[in-house]
Protein backbone atom coordinates (compact mmCIF):
# COMPACT_ATOMS: atom_id res chain seq x y z
CA MET A 1 76.88 56.80 118.95
CA LEU A 2 79.01 57.28 115.32
CA ARG A 3 78.74 54.73 112.67
CA VAL A 4 80.90 55.17 109.81
CA VAL A 5 80.09 53.30 106.78
CA ASN A 6 82.27 52.31 104.04
CA LEU A 7 84.36 55.44 104.22
CA SER A 8 86.53 56.53 101.44
CA VAL A 9 88.80 59.97 102.03
CA LYS A 10 91.69 61.53 99.57
CA VAL A 11 94.02 64.40 101.27
CA ASN A 12 95.51 66.11 98.19
CA ASP A 13 94.09 63.92 95.59
CA ARG A 14 95.73 60.97 97.13
CA ASN A 15 93.66 58.05 98.92
CA ILE A 16 93.97 57.66 102.19
CA LEU A 17 91.15 55.64 103.37
CA ASN A 18 89.57 52.47 102.02
CA ASN A 19 85.93 51.19 102.73
CA ILE A 20 86.48 51.77 106.93
CA SER A 21 83.36 50.76 108.99
CA LEU A 22 83.28 51.60 112.68
CA TYR A 23 79.62 51.05 114.97
CA ILE A 24 80.40 53.03 118.25
CA LYS A 25 78.26 52.27 120.73
CA LYS A 26 77.56 54.74 123.62
CA GLY A 27 80.45 54.31 126.56
CA ASN A 28 82.52 52.34 124.40
CA VAL A 29 86.27 53.87 123.40
CA TYR A 30 88.45 52.71 120.87
CA VAL A 31 92.06 52.47 120.34
CA LEU A 32 93.65 53.16 116.97
CA PHE A 33 97.33 51.91 116.26
CA GLY A 34 99.42 51.54 113.10
CA PRO A 35 102.04 52.67 111.47
CA ASN A 36 102.63 56.50 110.27
CA GLY A 37 100.47 57.15 107.12
CA SER A 38 98.30 54.51 107.80
CA GLY A 39 94.97 56.52 108.03
CA LYS A 40 94.84 57.02 112.01
CA SER A 41 94.78 61.19 111.69
CA THR A 42 92.87 61.23 108.50
CA LEU A 43 89.27 59.01 110.11
CA LEU A 44 89.24 61.46 112.88
CA ASN A 45 89.71 64.69 110.49
CA ALA A 46 87.34 63.44 108.28
CA ILE A 47 85.11 62.60 111.43
CA LEU A 48 85.67 66.44 112.49
CA GLY A 49 84.67 67.30 108.59
CA ASN A 50 88.13 69.18 108.05
CA PRO A 51 87.87 70.37 104.40
CA ARG A 52 91.14 69.26 103.20
CA TYR A 53 89.79 65.55 104.02
CA LYS A 54 87.63 65.06 101.21
CA ILE A 55 85.37 62.16 101.67
CA ILE A 56 84.83 59.99 98.17
CA SER A 57 82.28 57.76 99.04
CA GLY A 58 80.33 56.48 102.30
CA ARG A 59 78.54 57.86 105.52
CA ILE A 60 78.76 59.47 108.94
CA PHE A 61 75.91 59.31 111.00
CA PHE A 62 76.69 60.94 114.90
CA LYS A 63 73.85 60.39 117.18
CA LYS A 64 71.63 58.49 114.85
CA LYS A 65 71.87 61.90 112.51
CA ASP A 66 73.92 62.03 108.82
CA ILE A 67 76.32 64.50 109.77
CA THR A 68 78.29 63.38 106.43
CA ASP A 69 77.66 67.12 104.99
CA LEU A 70 77.20 69.15 107.56
CA PRO A 71 80.63 71.42 108.62
CA PRO A 72 83.38 71.27 111.76
CA TYR A 73 81.49 73.88 113.83
CA GLU A 74 78.10 71.95 113.71
CA ARG A 75 79.33 68.76 114.42
CA VAL A 76 81.35 70.37 117.67
CA ARG A 77 78.05 71.74 118.79
CA MET A 78 76.39 68.22 118.21
CA GLY A 79 79.29 67.01 120.84
CA ILE A 80 82.00 66.26 119.20
CA GLY A 81 85.49 66.93 120.14
CA ILE A 82 89.26 66.44 119.02
CA ALA A 83 92.35 66.77 120.92
CA PHE A 84 95.31 67.81 117.62
CA GLN A 85 98.52 65.52 117.71
CA ASN A 86 100.14 68.93 116.93
CA PRO A 87 97.80 72.23 117.99
CA PRO A 88 99.24 75.49 116.35
CA LYS A 89 100.88 78.25 118.05
CA ILE A 90 98.95 81.47 118.09
CA SER A 91 99.88 84.33 118.49
CA GLY A 92 98.21 87.59 119.76
CA VAL A 93 95.68 84.74 121.65
CA LYS A 94 95.49 84.03 125.47
CA LEU A 95 95.06 80.74 126.51
CA ILE A 96 92.36 82.01 129.11
CA ASP A 97 90.12 83.77 126.00
CA LEU A 98 90.59 80.63 124.02
CA LEU A 99 89.55 78.46 127.26
CA ARG A 100 86.24 80.98 128.12
CA PHE A 101 84.95 80.48 124.63
CA CYS A 102 85.31 76.27 125.22
CA ALA A 103 83.92 76.92 128.43
CA ARG A 104 80.75 78.17 126.90
CA ILE A 105 80.47 75.29 124.65
CA GLY A 106 80.08 73.25 127.60
CA ASN A 107 78.71 75.12 130.20
CA TYR A 108 81.38 76.11 132.48
CA SER A 109 81.99 78.81 134.85
CA GLU A 110 84.98 81.03 134.81
CA ASP A 111 85.68 79.50 138.48
CA GLU A 112 85.70 76.05 136.83
CA ILE A 113 88.03 76.99 134.42
CA PHE A 114 90.62 78.20 137.21
CA LYS A 115 89.83 74.89 138.95
CA LEU A 116 90.37 72.72 136.13
CA ALA A 117 93.66 74.88 134.80
CA GLU A 118 94.97 74.28 138.40
CA ARG A 119 94.18 70.81 138.62
CA LEU A 120 96.23 70.18 135.26
CA ASN A 121 98.83 72.56 136.36
CA LEU A 122 98.19 75.05 133.88
CA LYS A 123 97.24 78.17 135.68
CA ASP A 124 101.02 79.67 135.23
CA LEU A 125 99.98 79.15 131.23
CA LEU A 126 96.76 81.49 131.60
CA TYR A 127 97.88 84.38 130.43
CA ARG A 128 100.24 83.81 127.66
CA ASP A 129 99.77 83.18 124.12
CA VAL A 130 98.29 79.96 123.01
CA ASN A 131 101.26 77.12 122.57
CA LEU A 132 103.61 79.64 122.22
CA GLY A 133 107.16 78.63 124.66
CA PHE A 134 104.88 75.72 125.51
CA SER A 135 106.69 72.64 126.65
CA GLY A 136 105.45 69.46 124.88
CA GLY A 137 103.69 68.38 128.10
CA GLU A 138 101.86 71.73 128.61
CA ILE A 139 100.39 71.54 124.67
CA LYS A 140 99.07 67.99 125.92
CA ARG A 141 97.97 69.81 129.07
CA SER A 142 96.70 72.31 127.25
CA GLU A 143 94.44 70.66 124.70
CA ILE A 144 92.98 68.19 127.19
CA LEU A 145 91.92 71.08 129.41
CA GLN A 146 89.95 72.75 126.67
CA ILE A 147 88.50 69.33 125.48
CA MET A 148 86.91 69.32 129.33
CA LEU A 149 85.83 72.66 129.13
CA MET A 150 83.76 71.62 125.97
CA ASN A 151 82.58 68.58 127.54
CA PRO A 152 81.32 66.60 124.12
CA ASP A 153 79.83 63.80 124.53
CA PHE A 154 82.42 61.80 121.73
CA VAL A 155 85.79 62.40 122.32
CA MET A 156 89.02 62.05 119.68
CA LEU A 157 92.33 62.15 120.82
CA ASP A 158 95.58 61.84 118.42
CA GLU A 159 98.35 60.87 120.08
CA PRO A 160 98.10 62.00 123.79
CA ASP A 161 100.87 59.98 124.81
CA SER A 162 103.55 61.80 122.25
CA GLY A 163 105.90 63.63 123.49
CA VAL A 164 105.55 63.93 127.25
CA ASP A 165 106.99 62.44 130.32
CA LEU A 166 106.03 59.78 132.82
CA GLU A 167 104.93 62.89 134.76
CA ASN A 168 103.01 64.78 132.52
CA LEU A 169 101.95 61.37 131.01
CA SER A 170 99.97 60.09 134.34
CA LEU A 171 98.46 62.98 134.96
CA ILE A 172 97.02 63.66 131.49
CA GLY A 173 96.11 59.68 131.10
CA LYS A 174 94.58 60.24 134.28
CA THR A 175 92.42 63.18 133.86
CA ILE A 176 91.29 61.00 130.12
CA ASN A 177 89.72 58.58 131.69
CA GLU A 178 87.70 60.78 134.38
CA LEU A 179 86.71 62.38 131.37
CA LEU A 180 85.60 59.40 129.53
CA GLN A 181 83.75 57.93 132.78
CA GLU A 182 81.89 61.12 133.01
CA ASP A 183 78.31 60.25 131.37
CA LYS A 184 79.67 57.29 129.20
CA LYS A 185 81.58 59.44 126.67
CA SER A 186 82.34 57.44 123.91
CA GLY A 187 85.66 57.99 121.88
CA ILE A 188 88.73 56.76 119.93
CA ILE A 189 92.26 57.35 120.81
CA ILE A 190 95.31 57.07 118.38
CA THR A 191 98.07 55.96 120.22
CA HIS A 192 101.63 54.77 118.80
CA THR A 193 103.50 53.65 121.99
CA GLY A 194 100.75 52.50 123.98
CA GLN A 195 101.16 53.93 126.89
CA ILE A 196 98.41 55.43 127.40
CA LEU A 197 96.49 52.34 127.87
CA ASP A 198 98.09 52.22 131.52
CA TYR A 199 95.65 54.87 132.27
CA ILE A 200 92.40 54.76 130.12
CA ASP A 201 89.82 51.56 130.32
CA ALA A 202 89.46 50.84 126.42
CA ASP A 203 87.32 48.66 125.00
CA TYR A 204 88.23 47.67 121.73
CA GLY A 205 91.27 47.89 119.90
CA VAL A 206 91.82 48.45 116.11
CA ILE A 207 94.72 48.38 113.70
CA ILE A 208 94.68 50.96 110.19
CA TYR A 209 96.70 49.73 107.72
CA HIS A 210 97.49 50.92 104.34
CA GLY A 211 94.20 53.18 105.21
CA ARG A 212 91.82 49.87 105.72
CA ILE A 213 90.94 48.09 109.33
CA ALA A 214 92.94 45.01 109.40
CA CYS A 215 92.36 43.84 112.77
CA ILE A 216 89.75 44.53 115.79
CA GLY A 217 90.17 42.87 119.06
CA ASP A 218 90.93 43.44 122.64
CA PRO A 219 93.50 46.71 122.71
CA GLU A 220 95.65 45.35 124.98
CA ASP A 221 95.91 41.89 123.21
CA ILE A 222 96.60 43.47 119.86
CA LEU A 223 99.56 45.87 121.56
CA ASN A 224 101.05 43.11 122.88
CA ALA A 225 100.93 41.42 119.34
CA ILE A 226 102.15 43.97 117.72
CA ARG A 227 105.68 44.28 120.16
CA GLU A 228 105.78 40.71 119.09
CA ASN A 229 105.61 40.20 115.93
CA GLY A 230 105.11 43.83 114.36
CA TYR A 231 101.87 44.87 112.77
CA GLU A 232 102.22 42.56 109.62
CA GLY A 233 102.77 39.68 112.25
CA CYS A 234 99.76 40.59 114.39
CA ILE A 235 97.71 41.13 111.44
CA ARG A 236 98.59 37.42 110.36
CA LYS A 237 97.61 36.16 113.34
CA CYS A 238 93.92 38.33 113.55
CA LEU A 239 93.31 36.63 110.46
CA THR A 240 94.30 33.23 111.62
CA ASN A 241 91.75 33.26 113.68
CA LEU A 242 88.88 34.20 112.26
């Protein structure tokens, strides 16, 4: 589904990622761990094709096609979707209009928009400006709804469990897991707390540390090792087990 080969990326003339390689098969879900500033969000933005993230070297392949030089809208049309950690507030654009645009990409009907909005407790927000006055949980649920309506083959989620209460976390986590299970979608999920793993069936955990992949393994084992030993201790344990 996705192959990242020796990818190095810079932002504002600062090198963030160094020789990152990942091979994600159809149906595989990867969870990214790492301290702030390690390069997790940079990797997602590079896969999306955000022009602020300059690829110095390496290639990105999606569905066996080289997409390294494609603009973001072409990658989205091919089936890549992303939910951002801090999506913008958009004055003058109603949430329902944004959802209708997403639904056209995923071939969903108007009725299905309202059904999914009700499922995510968002029906009362449909005619408000996007994210203006939304709570943290409402913003996260809105992002998930947009992703569901776009129906991408490859889903990228940047900290879907941050800034939400336990009730919202349960709803978001269960919805994400159902989305990923549908048609054996693949994905990458960034998490700091690891709480989302209570709801999602992830295949691999990856630690990104100082812009490099430092460890790959079972996501629950990696999370427990981070909690017990910190990132450096977990990485040392990974290297010892090689």
